[in-house]
Each structure stands twice: as structure tokens, then as C-alpha cells.
Amino acid sequence: FLDRQWGKGKMGAGAAAQEGDGKGEGEAPPTPQEAEMLAMGIERGMAMVALAKYDNEVEKAVNYVFDQMADAAAEDALRHEAKIMLEKGQGERTAAIAELKANYLPDWVLAAMSTTAGDPVASLALIKKRTTEMPNIVMEYKIAPPTTTRPATGDGVQDCSG
């Protein structure tokens, strides 16, 4: 079902437009925080680095990127770090998606993805760390009203909510 969510490696039109770099098949769509930074014209790799440094706080991450871009040497260092993070991050995401698809119930995965704003690496970590709590997390997910981070069901994504 994750293949259907991410279109068997092809991002939806909105995510592809936000991404803008067409980096290859199997790439996960940007997280909501990354998407917000992409909309400001910040490259995805730079957004990933800054968000990692500032615990996914968009405002601080944006300020960091713009501060780094004011200095040519700092910008080059940030671009280098971004390249490394993109290479590492995409491998981690791909592995996490494969493990989620192979080993966990769809309800668990949907609830975890909703809880982690669609981040497959964080979703996998959540499931592994809180395995005994997953039935409660799934129940909360099913009874909670839809949010912006909950996967849409109109695009062929399997709806396990009931």
C-alpha cells in the first residue's frame, strides 16, 4: 500500500512540483516541513540539513539556511552537507519503506505515518520503539478527525480507517 501512496516511486504532481529536481525513482515525497521550505525556494537537501539541526522547527531552519547563504564559504559547506544528507537520507527512507511494507500491518503504518508527518524513517522507529502501544496508537488514529498529515484516501491509498 505504500507503493500506492507514493505511486510506485513516482511522486504525485504536487510533490514533484515542490521537489523540482526530479532526483530519481523511489524518492519519498518531502515532509510537510521540507515542503514549506521548498515553497520558499530552499533546496531540499539544505532544508533537510537545517531541519535536522533545529529539530524540525521550520522558522529556525529557514533562518539558518538564509544565514548560511549570506557567506559563500558557509553556503558551500551547507551544500556539501546537503548532498551527503540527501544520499544518506534517500537510502534510509527507501530501506524504511521496504521494511514497513514487508513487516508491519497497514493500520500500524498509516497510524505511524500520520503521527510522524509522513516520515517513513521516523514511522519505523516509532513502531519499533512503541510496538506494545501500537494498538492504542491505531485506535487514536482511527477516531481522530483527519488532519493535514493524515494520508489522503482519494488517490488510491488504502484506507484502513474503518
Protein backbone atom coordinates (compact mmCIF):
# COMPACT_ATOMS: atom_id res chain seq x y z
CA PHE A 1 0.00 0.00 0.00
CA LEU A 2 2.97 2.36 0.40
CA ASP A 3 3.61 1.84 -3.31
CA ARG A 4 0.16 3.21 -3.97
CA GLN A 5 0.73 6.12 -1.60
CA TRP A 6 3.92 7.12 -3.36
CA GLY A 7 2.84 5.96 -6.81
CA LYS A 8 5.38 3.13 -7.11
CA GLY A 9 8.25 5.55 -6.89
CA LYS A 10 6.64 8.39 -8.80
CA MET A 11 5.67 11.34 -6.64
CA GLY A 12 2.30 12.98 -7.10
CA ALA A 13 2.18 16.10 -9.24
CA GLY A 14 2.19 18.44 -6.24
CA ALA A 15 5.16 16.81 -4.58
CA ALA A 16 7.06 16.62 -7.86
CA ALA A 17 6.46 20.30 -8.48
CA GLN A 18 7.68 21.12 -4.97
CA GLU A 19 10.70 18.88 -5.33
CA GLY A 20 11.73 20.34 -8.64
CA ASP A 21 14.91 18.32 -9.05
CA GLY A 22 13.47 15.02 -10.34
CA LYS A 23 16.07 13.02 -8.46
CA GLY A 24 15.06 9.56 -9.30
CA GLU A 25 12.60 6.84 -8.83
CA GLY A 26 11.66 5.66 -5.36
CA GLU A 27 12.23 9.02 -3.75
CA ALA A 28 9.81 9.77 -0.94
CA PRO A 29 7.78 12.94 -1.07
CA PRO A 30 9.01 15.81 1.08
CA THR A 31 7.84 16.04 4.66
CA PRO A 32 5.45 18.92 5.41
CA GLN A 33 8.34 20.88 6.93
CA GLU A 34 10.51 20.28 3.85
CA ALA A 35 7.61 21.23 1.58
CA GLU A 36 7.19 24.51 3.44
CA MET A 37 10.87 25.31 2.94
CA LEU A 38 10.78 24.17 -0.70
CA ALA A 39 7.93 26.63 -1.28
CA MET A 40 10.31 29.38 -0.10
CA GLY A 41 12.83 28.37 -2.74
CA ILE A 42 15.17 26.46 -0.43
CA GLU A 43 16.72 23.33 -1.93
CA ARG A 44 15.55 20.06 -0.38
CA GLY A 45 18.96 18.97 0.83
CA MET A 46 19.55 22.29 2.56
CA ALA A 47 16.09 22.06 4.12
CA MET A 48 16.84 18.55 5.40
CA VAL A 49 20.14 19.64 6.97
CA ALA A 50 18.61 22.70 8.62
CA LEU A 51 15.57 20.81 9.90
CA ALA A 52 17.83 18.13 11.38
CA LYS A 53 19.89 20.79 13.15
CA TYR A 54 16.83 22.54 14.55
CA ASP A 55 14.61 19.59 15.45
CA ASN A 56 12.14 20.19 12.58
CA GLU A 57 11.44 23.78 13.65
CA VAL A 58 10.84 25.44 10.28
CA GLU A 59 11.38 29.07 11.35
CA LYS A 60 14.77 28.36 12.92
CA ALA A 61 15.76 26.12 9.99
CA VAL A 62 14.86 28.81 7.43
CA ASN A 63 16.82 31.44 9.35
CA TYR A 64 19.81 29.09 9.48
CA VAL A 65 19.74 28.48 5.71
CA PHE A 66 19.48 32.17 4.89
CA ASP A 67 22.29 32.98 7.34
CA GLN A 68 24.50 30.36 5.69
CA MET A 69 23.67 31.64 2.21
CA ALA A 70 24.94 35.11 3.18
CA ASP A 71 28.51 33.73 3.32
CA ALA A 72 29.90 31.94 0.24
CA ALA A 73 32.08 29.54 2.23
CA ALA A 74 29.28 28.69 4.64
CA GLU A 75 26.90 28.17 1.71
CA ASP A 76 29.38 25.78 0.04
CA ALA A 77 29.72 23.85 3.30
CA LEU A 78 25.92 23.67 3.63
CA ARG A 79 25.58 22.45 0.02
CA HIS A 80 28.17 19.74 0.68
CA GLU A 81 26.41 18.65 3.87
CA ALA A 82 23.09 18.69 1.99
CA LYS A 83 24.48 16.43 -0.75
CA ILE A 84 25.66 13.92 1.84
CA MET A 85 22.34 14.06 3.72
CA LEU A 86 20.34 13.54 0.51
CA GLU A 87 22.39 10.49 -0.41
CA LYS A 88 22.13 9.06 3.10
CA GLY A 89 18.53 10.12 3.65
CA GLN A 90 17.15 8.61 0.48
CA GLY A 91 18.83 5.29 1.27
CA GLU A 92 17.36 5.33 4.79
CA ARG A 93 13.91 6.23 3.50
CA THR A 94 13.98 3.53 0.86
CA ALA A 95 15.05 0.92 3.42
CA ALA A 96 12.43 2.10 5.92
CA ILE A 97 9.66 1.95 3.32
CA ALA A 98 10.68 -1.57 2.35
CA GLU A 99 10.73 -2.69 5.98
CA LEU A 100 7.37 -1.07 6.74
CA LYS A 101 5.77 -2.75 3.73
CA ALA A 102 7.26 -6.15 4.49
CA ASN A 103 6.87 -6.40 8.24
CA TYR A 104 4.03 -4.30 9.62
CA LEU A 105 0.27 -4.14 9.41
CA PRO A 106 -1.14 -1.40 7.15
CA ASP A 107 -3.08 0.13 10.07
CA TRP A 108 0.13 0.39 12.07
CA VAL A 109 1.97 2.01 9.18
CA LEU A 110 -0.80 4.51 8.44
CA ALA A 111 -1.08 5.49 12.10
CA ALA A 112 2.69 5.85 12.45
CA MET A 113 2.97 7.86 9.21
CA SER A 114 0.22 10.16 10.44
CA THR A 115 1.94 10.60 13.80
CA THR A 116 5.33 11.37 12.20
CA ALA A 117 4.08 13.74 9.47
CA GLY A 118 4.69 11.16 6.76
CA ASP A 119 8.33 10.39 7.56
CA PRO A 120 8.97 6.68 6.89
CA VAL A 121 12.21 6.55 8.91
CA ALA A 122 10.55 8.13 11.94
CA SER A 123 7.49 5.90 11.44
CA LEU A 124 9.62 2.77 11.51
CA ALA A 125 11.41 3.98 14.63
CA LEU A 126 8.07 4.75 16.29
CA ILE A 127 6.70 1.29 15.55
CA LYS A 128 9.85 -0.43 16.79
CA LYS A 129 10.05 1.65 19.96
CA ARG A 130 6.35 1.52 20.83
CA THR A 131 5.28 -1.88 19.50
CA THR A 132 3.18 -2.70 22.54
CA GLU A 133 1.41 0.66 22.29
CA MET A 134 0.60 0.41 18.57
CA PRO A 135 -2.97 -0.89 19.03
CA ASN A 136 -3.77 2.24 21.07
CA ILE A 137 -1.99 4.50 18.57
CA VAL A 138 -4.01 2.91 15.74
CA MET A 139 -7.24 3.40 17.68
CA GLU A 140 -6.41 7.09 18.28
CA TYR A 141 -5.60 7.46 14.59
CA LYS A 142 -8.88 5.89 13.53
CA ILE A 143 -11.06 8.03 15.79
CA ALA A 144 -9.17 11.30 15.27
CA PRO A 145 -10.55 13.71 12.71
CA PRO A 146 -8.49 13.89 9.51
CA THR A 147 -5.54 16.27 9.67
CA THR A 148 -3.18 17.69 7.10
CA THR A 149 -0.63 14.98 7.87
CA ARG A 150 -3.05 12.09 7.53
CA PRO A 151 -2.61 10.34 4.15
CA ALA A 152 -5.32 11.25 1.66
CA THR A 153 -7.54 8.42 0.50
CA GLY A 154 -8.73 9.87 -2.80
CA ASP A 155 -5.58 8.97 -4.69
CA GLY A 156 -5.73 5.21 -4.38
CA VAL A 157 -4.23 4.92 -0.92
CA GLN A 158 -5.73 2.07 1.01
CA ASP A 159 -7.99 3.47 3.70
CA CYS A 160 -7.75 1.25 6.76
CA SER A 161 -9.76 3.54 8.99
CA GLY A 162 -12.83 1.52 9.02
